[in-house]
Amino acid sequence: MAKLVLDLHDIFNKGDQIEKSLRGIIDEAIEKKIDLVEIIPGKGSGQLKKKVLRFLDQKDIKALYHRVDKDSKNFGRLFVHFKHEQGQRKGRKGRR
């Protein structure tokens, strides 16, 4: 299974870059039909991880992926899972 990794250690204090990086890796996963994105906010105080989870919880972002798992063995790591179905039109549910 192919996976992408985003390590946020270098930009932990640059809020705008964090959101751009998260959006970029999600878009890349969708474009390349990657099933798994590993996001590494690091351990620290937990604030960056909370920021990442808040970003992923936004309605328009949530429509793009299948689920998020927290790594039970490593507090500083999250996994975002994608389902790429043939002819999939995510984010368009309920619109007519």
PDB file of N, CA and C in Angstrom:
ATOM      1  N   MET A   1       0.838  -1.177   0.000  1.00  0.00           N
ATOM      2  CA  MET A   1       0.000   0.000   0.000  1.00  0.00           C
ATOM      3  C   MET A   1       0.886   1.244   0.000  1.00  0.00           C
ATOM      4  N   ALA A   2       0.562   2.163  -0.882  1.00  0.00           N
ATOM      5  CA  ALA A   2       1.322   3.409  -0.963  1.00  0.00           C
ATOM      6  C   ALA A   2       0.873   4.352   0.143  1.00  0.00           C
ATOM      7  N   LYS A   3       1.821   5.140   0.637  1.00  0.00           N
ATOM      8  CA  LYS A   3       1.467   6.103   1.672  1.00  0.00           C
ATOM      9  C   LYS A   3       2.302   7.357   1.508  1.00  0.00           C
ATOM     10  N   LEU A   4       1.737   8.469   1.945  1.00  0.00           N
ATOM     11  CA  LEU A   4       2.438   9.746   1.972  1.00  0.00           C
ATOM     12  C   LEU A   4       2.698  10.103   3.424  1.00  0.00           C
ATOM     13  N   VAL A   5       3.791  10.819   3.680  1.00  0.00           N
ATOM     14  CA  VAL A   5       4.133  11.225   5.042  1.00  0.00           C
ATOM     15  C   VAL A   5       4.329  12.741   5.071  1.00  0.00           C
ATOM     16  N   LEU A   6       3.711  13.379   6.065  1.00  0.00           N
ATOM     17  CA  LEU A   6       3.887  14.812   6.281  1.00  0.00           C
ATOM     18  C   LEU A   6       4.413  15.016   7.692  1.00  0.00           C
ATOM     19  N   ASP A   7       5.666  15.467   7.788  1.00  0.00           N
ATOM     20  CA  ASP A   7       6.285  15.736   9.087  1.00  0.00           C
ATOM     21  C   ASP A   7       6.205  17.241   9.338  1.00  0.00           C
ATOM     22  N   LEU A   8       5.493  17.627  10.389  1.00  0.00           N
ATOM     23  CA  LEU A   8       5.267  19.046  10.679  1.00  0.00           C
ATOM     24  C   LEU A   8       6.289  19.647  11.636  1.00  0.00           C
ATOM     25  N   HIS A   9       7.318  18.908  12.007  1.00  0.00           N
ATOM     26  CA  HIS A   9       8.310  19.414  12.970  1.00  0.00           C
ATOM     27  C   HIS A   9       8.915  20.753  12.542  1.00  0.00           C
ATOM     28  N   ASP A  10       9.240  20.899  11.257  1.00  0.00           N
ATOM     29  CA  ASP A  10       9.939  22.099  10.792  1.00  0.00           C
ATOM     30  C   ASP A  10       9.056  23.340  10.732  1.00  0.00           C
ATOM     31  N   ILE A  11       7.736  23.153  10.674  1.00  0.00           N
ATOM     32  CA  ILE A  11       6.851  24.313  10.524  1.00  0.00           C
ATOM     33  C   ILE A  11       5.851  24.425  11.677  1.00  0.00           C
ATOM     34  N   PHE A  12       6.183  23.804  12.816  1.00  0.00           N
ATOM     35  CA  PHE A  12       5.243  23.730  13.936  1.00  0.00           C
ATOM     36  C   PHE A  12       4.725  25.086  14.395  1.00  0.00           C
ATOM     37  N   ASN A  13       5.485  26.156  14.180  1.00  0.00           N
ATOM     38  CA  ASN A  13       5.072  27.481  14.671  1.00  0.00           C
ATOM     39  C   ASN A  13       4.624  28.404  13.543  1.00  0.00           C
ATOM     40  N   LYS A  14       4.321  27.842  12.378  1.00  0.00           N
ATOM     41  CA  LYS A  14       3.902  28.646  11.229  1.00  0.00           C
ATOM     42  C   LYS A  14       2.505  28.197  10.801  1.00  0.00           C
ATOM     43  N   GLY A  15       1.484  28.736  11.472  1.00  0.00           N
ATOM     44  CA  GLY A  15       0.101  28.304  11.294  1.00  0.00           C
ATOM     45  C   GLY A  15      -0.384  28.245   9.858  1.00  0.00           C
ATOM     46  N   ASP A  16      -0.064  29.284   9.059  1.00  0.00           N
ATOM     47  CA  ASP A  16      -0.550  29.297   7.683  1.00  0.00           C
ATOM     48  C   ASP A  16       0.106  28.193   6.858  1.00  0.00           C
ATOM     49  N   GLN A  17       1.373  27.924   7.091  1.00  0.00           N
ATOM     50  CA  GLN A  17       2.073  26.868   6.357  1.00  0.00           C
ATOM     51  C   GLN A  17       1.554  25.487   6.745  1.00  0.00           C
ATOM     52  N   ILE A  18       1.158  25.332   8.006  1.00  0.00           N
ATOM     53  CA  ILE A  18       0.633  24.046   8.466  1.00  0.00           C
ATOM     54  C   ILE A  18      -0.627  23.698   7.680  1.00  0.00           C
ATOM     55  N   GLU A  19      -1.559  24.658   7.600  1.00  0.00           N
ATOM     56  CA  GLU A  19      -2.809  24.396   6.878  1.00  0.00           C
ATOM     57  C   GLU A  19      -2.558  24.151   5.392  1.00  0.00           C
ATOM     58  N   LYS A  20      -1.652  24.927   4.790  1.00  0.00           N
ATOM     59  CA  LYS A  20      -1.316  24.719   3.369  1.00  0.00           C
ATOM     60  C   LYS A  20      -0.715  23.334   3.161  1.00  0.00           C
ATOM     61  N   SER A  21       0.166  22.920   4.063  1.00  0.00           N
ATOM     62  CA  SER A  21       0.810  21.607   3.948  1.00  0.00           C
ATOM     63  C   SER A  21      -0.206  20.487   4.100  1.00  0.00           C
ATOM     64  N   LEU A  22      -1.118  20.622   5.071  1.00  0.00           N
ATOM     65  CA  LEU A  22      -2.151  19.605   5.282  1.00  0.00           C
ATOM     66  C   LEU A  22      -3.051  19.510   4.055  1.00  0.00           C
ATOM     67  N   ARG A  23      -3.490  20.660   3.559  1.00  0.00           N
ATOM     68  CA  ARG A  23      -4.368  20.663   2.379  1.00  0.00           C
ATOM     69  C   ARG A  23      -3.638  20.067   1.176  1.00  0.00           C
ATOM     70  N   GLY A  24      -2.364  20.420   1.031  1.00  0.00           N
ATOM     71  CA  GLY A  24      -1.569  19.929  -0.092  1.00  0.00           C
ATOM     72  C   GLY A  24      -1.424  18.417  -0.085  1.00  0.00           C
ATOM     73  N   ILE A  25      -1.170  17.843   1.088  1.00  0.00           N
ATOM     74  CA  ILE A  25      -0.961  16.389   1.139  1.00  0.00           C
ATOM     75  C   ILE A  25      -2.280  15.643   0.943  1.00  0.00           C
ATOM     76  N   ILE A  26      -3.384  16.218   1.406  1.00  0.00           N
ATOM     77  CA  ILE A  26      -4.694  15.602   1.178  1.00  0.00           C
ATOM     78  C   ILE A  26      -5.022  15.635  -0.311  1.00  0.00           C
ATOM     79  N   ASP A  27      -4.792  16.777  -0.948  1.00  0.00           N
ATOM     80  CA  ASP A  27      -5.032  16.890  -2.390  1.00  0.00           C
ATOM     81  C   ASP A  27      -4.164  15.913  -3.174  1.00  0.00           C
ATOM     82  N   GLU A  28      -2.900  15.777  -2.754  1.00  0.00           N
ATOM     83  CA  GLU A  28      -1.983  14.858  -3.431  1.00  0.00           C
ATOM     84  C   GLU A  28      -2.460  13.411  -3.281  1.00  0.00           C
ATOM     85  N   ALA A  29      -2.915  13.046  -2.085  1.00  0.00           N
ATOM     86  CA  ALA A  29      -3.409  11.685  -1.844  1.00  0.00           C
ATOM     87  C   ALA A  29      -4.610  11.384  -2.743  1.00  0.00           C
ATOM     88  N   ILE A  30      -5.501  12.345  -2.880  1.00  0.00           N
ATOM     89  CA  ILE A  30      -6.684  12.156  -3.729  1.00  0.00           C
ATOM     90  C   ILE A  30      -6.269  12.046  -5.188  1.00  0.00           C
ATOM     91  N   GLU A  31      -5.403  12.960  -5.614  1.00  0.00           N
ATOM     92  CA  GLU A  31      -4.956  12.985  -7.010  1.00  0.00           C
ATOM     93  C   GLU A  31      -4.244  11.688  -7.399  1.00  0.00           C
ATOM     94  N   LYS A  32      -3.385  11.190  -6.511  1.00  0.00           N
ATOM     95  CA  LYS A  32      -2.583   9.991  -6.817  1.00  0.00           C
ATOM     96  C   LYS A  32      -3.240   8.708  -6.324  1.00  0.00           C
ATOM     97  N   LYS A  33      -4.458   8.830  -5.746  1.00  0.00           N
ATOM     98  CA  LYS A  33      -5.192   7.675  -5.212  1.00  0.00           C
ATOM     99  C   LYS A  33      -4.365   6.911  -4.167  1.00  0.00           C
ATOM    100  N   ILE A  34      -3.750   7.663  -3.268  1.00  0.00           N
ATOM    101  CA  ILE A  34      -2.987   7.100  -2.159  1.00  0.00           C
ATOM    102  C   ILE A  34      -3.969   6.764  -1.041  1.00  0.00           C
ATOM    103  N   ASP A  35      -3.826   5.586  -0.443  1.00  0.00           N
ATOM    104  CA  ASP A  35      -4.775   5.123   0.573  1.00  0.00           C
ATOM    105  C   ASP A  35      -4.507   5.656   1.974  1.00  0.00           C
ATOM    106  N   LEU A  36      -3.258   6.044   2.258  1.00  0.00           N
ATOM    107  CA  LEU A  36      -2.889   6.400   3.625  1.00  0.00           C
ATOM    108  C   LEU A  36      -1.948   7.598   3.645  1.00  0.00           C
ATOM    109  N   VAL A  37      -2.264   8.553   4.522  1.00  0.00           N
ATOM    110  CA  VAL A  37      -1.371   9.684   4.772  1.00  0.00           C
ATOM    111  C   VAL A  37      -1.002   9.641   6.249  1.00  0.00           C
ATOM    112  N   GLU A  38       0.294   9.638   6.516  1.00  0.00           N
ATOM    113  CA  GLU A  38       0.791   9.680   7.893  1.00  0.00           C
ATOM    114  C   GLU A  38       1.184  11.122   8.188  1.00  0.00           C
ATOM    115  N   ILE A  39       0.589  11.689   9.232  1.00  0.00           N
ATOM    116  CA  ILE A  39       0.903  13.065   9.630  1.00  0.00           C
ATOM    117  C   ILE A  39       1.626  13.009  10.967  1.00  0.00           C
ATOM    118  N   ILE A  40       2.781  13.668  11.028  1.00  0.00           N
ATOM    119  CA  ILE A  40       3.596  13.645  12.241  1.00  0.00           C
ATOM    120  C   ILE A  40       3.648  15.051  12.833  1.00  0.00           C
ATOM    121  N   PRO A  41       2.722  15.344  13.770  1.00  0.00           N
ATOM    122  CA  PRO A  41       2.798  16.641  14.440  1.00  0.00           C
ATOM    123  C   PRO A  41       3.844  16.633  15.546  1.00  0.00           C
ATOM    124  N   GLY A  42       4.305  15.468  15.932  1.00  0.00           N
ATOM    125  CA  GLY A  42       5.274  15.355  17.019  1.00  0.00           C
ATOM    126  C   GLY A  42       4.566  15.320  18.361  1.00  0.00           C
ATOM    127  N   LYS A  43       5.309  15.027  19.393  1.00  0.00           N
ATOM    128  CA  LYS A  43       4.713  14.873  20.722  1.00  0.00           C
ATOM    129  C   LYS A  43       4.510  16.221  21.381  1.00  0.00           C
ATOM    130  N   GLY A  44       5.532  16.933  21.699  1.00  0.00           N
ATOM    131  CA  GLY A  44       5.428  18.274  22.271  1.00  0.00           C
ATOM    132  C   GLY A  44       4.313  18.426  23.291  1.00  0.00           C
ATOM    133  N   SER A  45       3.647  19.593  23.257  1.00  0.00           N
ATOM    134  CA  SER A  45       2.580  19.888  24.220  1.00  0.00           C
ATOM    135  C   SER A  45       1.239  19.321  23.768  1.00  0.00           C
ATOM    136  N   GLY A  46       1.170  18.871  22.528  1.00  0.00           N
ATOM    137  CA  GLY A  46      -0.087  18.357  21.994  1.00  0.00           C
ATOM    138  C   GLY A  46      -0.893  19.410  21.253  1.00  0.00           C
ATOM    139  N   GLN A  47      -0.447  20.667  21.288  1.00  0.00           N
ATOM    140  CA  GLN A  47      -1.190  21.750  20.634  1.00  0.00           C
ATOM    141  C   GLN A  47      -1.214  21.595  19.117  1.00  0.00           C
ATOM    142  N   LEU A  48      -0.085  21.189  18.531  1.00  0.00           N
ATOM    143  CA  LEU A  48      -0.034  21.017  17.075  1.00  0.00           C
ATOM    144  C   LEU A  48      -0.944  19.870  16.645  1.00  0.00           C
ATOM    145  N   LYS A  49      -0.946  18.789  17.414  1.00  0.00           N
ATOM    146  CA  LYS A  49      -1.819  17.656  17.101  1.00  0.00           C
ATOM    147  C   LYS A  49      -3.280  18.101  17.155  1.00  0.00           C
ATOM    148  N   LYS A  50      -3.626  18.914  18.159  1.00  0.00           N
ATOM    149  CA  LYS A  50      -5.002  19.425  18.261  1.00  0.00           C
ATOM    150  C   LYS A  50      -5.338  20.292  17.057  1.00  0.00           C
ATOM    151  N   LYS A  51      -4.382  21.101  16.620  1.00  0.00           N
ATOM    152  CA  LYS A  51      -4.595  21.959  15.442  1.00  0.00           C
ATOM    153  C   LYS A  51      -4.841  21.102  14.200  1.00  0.00           C
ATOM    154  N   VAL A  52      -4.051  20.044  14.041  1.00  0.00           N
ATOM    155  CA  VAL A  52      -4.216  19.139  12.894  1.00  0.00           C
ATOM    156  C   VAL A  52      -5.597  18.478  12.949  1.00  0.00           C
ATOM    157  N   LEU A  53      -5.991  18.003  14.127  1.00  0.00           N
ATOM    158  CA  LEU A  53      -7.300  17.350  14.260  1.00  0.00           C
ATOM    159  C   LEU A  53      -8.434  18.332  13.990  1.00  0.00           C
ATOM    160  N   ARG A  54      -8.292  19.573  14.437  1.00  0.00           N
ATOM    161  CA  ARG A  54      -9.320  20.593  14.135  1.00  0.00           C
ATOM    162  C   ARG A  54      -9.412  20.839  12.641  1.00  0.00           C
ATOM    163  N   PHE A  55      -8.249  20.891  11.969  1.00  0.00           N
ATOM    164  CA  PHE A  55      -8.233  21.075  10.515  1.00  0.00           C
ATOM    165  C   PHE A  55      -8.966  19.918   9.830  1.00  0.00           C
ATOM    166  N   LEU A  56      -8.625  18.689  10.242  1.00  0.00           N
ATOM    167  CA  LEU A  56      -9.227  17.504   9.624  1.00  0.00           C
ATOM    168  C   LEU A  56     -10.717  17.391   9.915  1.00  0.00           C
ATOM    169  N   ASP A  57     -11.171  18.040  10.983  1.00  0.00           N
ATOM    170  CA  ASP A  57     -12.566  17.946  11.386  1.00  0.00           C
ATOM    171  C   ASP A  57     -13.471  18.971  10.677  1.00  0.00           C
ATOM    172  N   GLN A  58     -12.882  19.866   9.890  1.00  0.00           N
ATOM    173  CA  GLN A  58     -13.684  20.829   9.144  1.00  0.00           C
ATOM    174  C   GLN A  58     -14.548  20.075   8.126  1.00  0.00           C
ATOM    175  N   LYS A  59     -15.795  20.509   7.980  1.00  0.00           N
ATOM    176  CA  LYS A  59     -16.755  19.789   7.148  1.00  0.00           C
ATOM    177  C   LYS A  59     -16.249  19.539   5.717  1.00  0.00           C
ATOM    178  N   ASP A  60     -15.684  20.566   5.081  1.00  0.00           N
ATOM    179  CA  ASP A  60     -15.237  20.400   3.691  1.00  0.00           C
ATOM    180  C   ASP A  60     -14.020  19.479   3.585  1.00  0.00           C
ATOM    181  N   ILE A  61     -13.185  19.444   4.615  1.00  0.00           N
ATOM    182  CA  ILE A  61     -12.016  18.558   4.610  1.00  0.00           C
ATOM    183  C   ILE A  61     -12.457  17.128   4.935  1.00  0.00           C
ATOM    184  N   LYS A  62     -13.334  16.993   5.918  1.00  0.00           N
ATOM    185  CA  LYS A  62     -13.813  15.678   6.354  1.00  0.00           C
ATOM    186  C   LYS A  62     -14.453  14.904   5.206  1.00  0.00           C
ATOM    187  N   ALA A  63     -15.046  15.617   4.268  1.00  0.00           N
ATOM    188  CA  ALA A  63     -15.696  14.980   3.117  1.00  0.00           C
ATOM    189  C   ALA A  63     -14.688  14.330   2.174  1.00  0.00           C
ATOM    190  N   LEU A  64     -13.415  14.653   2.341  1.00  0.00           N
ATOM    191  CA  LEU A  64     -12.391  14.175   1.401  1.00  0.00           C
ATOM    192  C   LEU A  64     -11.745  12.848   1.800  1.00  0.00           C
ATOM    193  N   TYR A  65     -11.841  12.478   3.075  1.00  0.00           N
ATOM    194  CA  TYR A  65     -11.163  11.255   3.518  1.00  0.00           C
ATOM    195  C   TYR A  65     -12.153  10.326   4.203  1.00  0.00           C
ATOM    196  N   HIS A  66     -11.689   9.090   4.458  1.00  0.00           N
ATOM    197  CA  HIS A  66     -12.552   8.067   5.043  1.00  0.00           C
ATOM    198  C   HIS A  66     -12.545   8.118   6.577  1.00  0.00           C
ATOM    199  N   ARG A  67     -11.336   8.088   7.185  1.00  0.00           N
ATOM    200  CA  ARG A  67     -11.254   8.127   8.645  1.00  0.00           C
ATOM    201  C   ARG A  67      -9.851   8.529   9.100  1.00  0.00           C
ATOM    202  N   VAL A  68      -9.770   8.925  10.379  1.00  0.00           N
ATOM    203  CA  VAL A  68      -8.478   9.276  10.993  1.00  0.00           C
ATOM    204  C   VAL A  68      -8.250   8.338  12.163  1.00  0.00           C
ATOM    205  N   ASP A  69      -7.041   7.801  12.260  1.00  0.00           N
ATOM    206  CA  ASP A  69      -6.652   6.971  13.401  1.00  0.00           C
ATOM    207  C   ASP A  69      -5.487   7.642  14.109  1.00  0.00           C
ATOM    208  N   LYS A  70      -5.528   7.606  15.438  1.00  0.00           N
ATOM    209  CA  LYS A  70      -4.383   8.044  16.232  1.00  0.00           C
ATOM    210  C   LYS A  70      -3.525   6.810  16.452  1.00  0.00           C
ATOM    211  N   ASP A  71      -2.221   6.964  16.352  1.00  0.00           N
ATOM    212  CA  ASP A  71      -1.297   5.845  16.553  1.00  0.00           C
ATOM    213  C   ASP A  71      -1.268   5.495  18.039  1.00  0.00           C
ATOM    214  N   SER A  72      -1.674   4.286  18.374  1.00  0.00           N
ATOM    215  CA  SER A  72      -1.731   3.879  19.787  1.00  0.00           C
ATOM    216  C   SER A  72      -0.336   3.740  20.409  1.00  0.00           C
ATOM    217  N   LYS A  73       0.676   3.550  19.581  1.00  0.00           N
ATOM    218  CA  LYS A  73       2.035   3.369  20.089  1.00  0.00           C
ATOM    219  C   LYS A  73       2.850   4.658  20.054  1.00  0.00           C
ATOM    220  N   ASN A  74       2.388   5.655  19.278  1.00  0.00           N
ATOM    221  CA  ASN A  74       3.148   6.893  19.131  1.00  0.00           C
ATOM    222  C   ASN A  74       2.181   8.077  19.161  1.00  0.00           C
ATOM    223  N   PHE A  75       2.132   8.780  20.272  1.00  0.00           N
ATOM    224  CA  PHE A  75       1.222   9.906  20.474  1.00  0.00           C
ATOM    225  C   PHE A  75       1.385  10.969  19.387  1.00  0.00           C
ATOM    226  N   GLY A  76       2.584  11.100  18.847  1.00  0.00           N
ATOM    227  CA  GLY A  76       2.894  12.173  17.897  1.00  0.00           C
ATOM    228  C   GLY A  76       2.649  11.817  16.448  1.00  0.00           C
ATOM    229  N   ARG A  77       1.705  10.894  16.189  1.00  0.00           N
ATOM    230  CA  ARG A  77       1.485  10.468  14.805  1.00  0.00           C
ATOM    231  C   ARG A  77       0.002  10.176  14.569  1.00  0.00           C
ATOM    232  N   LEU A  78      -0.490  10.595  13.404  1.00  0.00           N
ATOM    233  CA  LEU A  78      -1.877  10.343  13.000  1.00  0.00           C
ATOM    234  C   LEU A  78      -1.884   9.695  11.621  1.00  0.00           C
ATOM    235  N   PHE A  79      -2.899   8.902  11.360  1.00  0.00           N
ATOM    236  CA  PHE A  79      -3.063   8.289  10.048  1.00  0.00           C
ATOM    237  C   PHE A  79      -4.400   8.721   9.462  1.00  0.00           C
ATOM    238  N   VAL A  80      -4.379   9.211   8.243  1.00  0.00           N
ATOM    239  CA  VAL A  80      -5.602   9.594   7.545  1.00  0.00           C
ATOM    240  C   VAL A  80      -5.803   8.576   6.423  1.00  0.00           C
ATOM    241  N   HIS A  81      -6.949   7.893   6.466  1.00  0.00           N
ATOM    242  CA  HIS A  81      -7.251   6.846   5.489  1.00  0.00           C
ATOM    243  C   HIS A  81      -8.202   7.374   4.420  1.00  0.00           C
ATOM    244  N   PHE A  82      -7.939   6.966   3.188  1.00  0.00           N
ATOM    245  CA  PHE A  82      -8.765   7.368   2.051  1.00  0.00           C
ATOM    246  C   PHE A  82      -9.344   6.133   1.387  1.00  0.00           C
ATOM    247  N   LYS A  83     -10.540   6.289   0.837  1.00  0.00           N
ATOM    248  CA  LYS A  83     -11.136   5.252  -0.006  1.00  0.00           C
ATOM    249  C   LYS A  83     -11.327   5.877  -1.372  1.00  0.00           C
ATOM    250  N   HIS A  84     -10.712   5.273  -2.373  1.00  0.00           N
ATOM    251  CA  HIS A  84     -10.821   5.810  -3.730  1.00  0.00           C
ATOM    252  C   HIS A  84     -11.666   4.847  -4.547  1.00  0.00           C
ATOM    253  N   GLU A  85     -12.906   5.231  -4.746  1.00  0.00           N
ATOM    254  CA  GLU A  85     -13.801   4.368  -5.516  1.00  0.00           C
ATOM    255  C   GLU A  85     -13.892   4.889  -6.938  1.00  0.00           C
ATOM    256  N   GLN A  86     -14.180   3.986  -7.840  1.00  0.00           N
ATOM    257  CA  GLN A  86     -14.340   4.349  -9.243  1.00  0.00           C
ATOM    258  C   GLN A  86     -15.515   5.321  -9.377  1.00  0.00           C
ATOM    259  N   GLY A  87     -15.292   6.446 -10.016  1.00  0.00           N
ATOM    260  CA  GLY A  87     -16.363   7.406 -10.245  1.00  0.00           C
ATOM    261  C   GLY A  87     -16.830   8.125  -8.989  1.00  0.00           C
ATOM    262  N   GLN A  88     -16.020   8.086  -7.958  1.00  0.00           N
ATOM    263  CA  GLN A  88     -16.374   8.689  -6.670  1.00  0.00           C
ATOM    264  C   GLN A  88     -16.523  10.200  -6.809  1.00  0.00           C
ATOM    265  N   ARG A  89     -17.565  10.748  -6.159  1.00  0.00           N
ATOM    266  CA  ARG A  89     -17.799  12.191  -6.176  1.00  0.00           C
ATOM    267  C   ARG A  89     -17.999  12.665  -4.753  1.00  0.00           C
ATOM    268  N   LYS A  90     -16.956  12.620  -3.972  1.00  0.00           N
ATOM    269  CA  LYS A  90     -17.046  13.018  -2.558  1.00  0.00           C
ATOM    270  C   LYS A  90     -17.356  14.491  -2.428  1.00  0.00           C
ATOM    271  N   GLY A  91     -18.005  14.807  -1.330  1.00  0.00           N
ATOM    272  CA  GLY A  91     -18.317  16.192  -1.043  1.00  0.00           C
ATOM    273  C   GLY A  91     -19.557  16.692  -1.765  1.00  0.00           C
ATOM    274  N   ARG A  92     -20.223  15.837  -2.518  1.00  0.00           N
ATOM    275  CA  ARG A  92     -21.393  16.255  -3.284  1.00  0.00           C
ATOM    276  C   ARG A  92     -22.672  15.610  -2.747  1.00  0.00           C
ATOM    277  N   LYS A  93     -22.584  14.951  -1.608  1.00  0.00           N
ATOM    278  CA  LYS A  93     -23.742  14.270  -1.045  1.00  0.00           C
ATOM    279  C   LYS A  93     -24.850  15.264  -0.734  1.00  0.00           C
ATOM    280  N   GLY A  94     -26.071  14.877  -1.053  1.00  0.00           N
ATOM    281  CA  GLY A  94     -27.225  15.672  -0.680  1.00  0.00           C
ATOM    282  C   GLY A  94     -27.464  16.886  -1.563  1.00  0.00           C
ATOM    283  N   ARG A  95     -26.615  17.156  -2.528  1.00  0.00           N
ATOM    284  CA  ARG A  95     -26.828  18.309  -3.423  1.00  0.00           C
ATOM    285  C   ARG A  95     -27.540  17.825  -4.675  1.00  0.00           C
ATOM    286  N   ARG A  96     -28.480  18.628  -5.113  1.00  0.00           N
ATOM    287  CA  ARG A  96     -29.177  18.252  -6.359  1.00  0.00           C
ATOM    288  C   ARG A  96     -29.317  19.442  -7.237  1.00  0.00           C
TER     289      ARG A  96
END
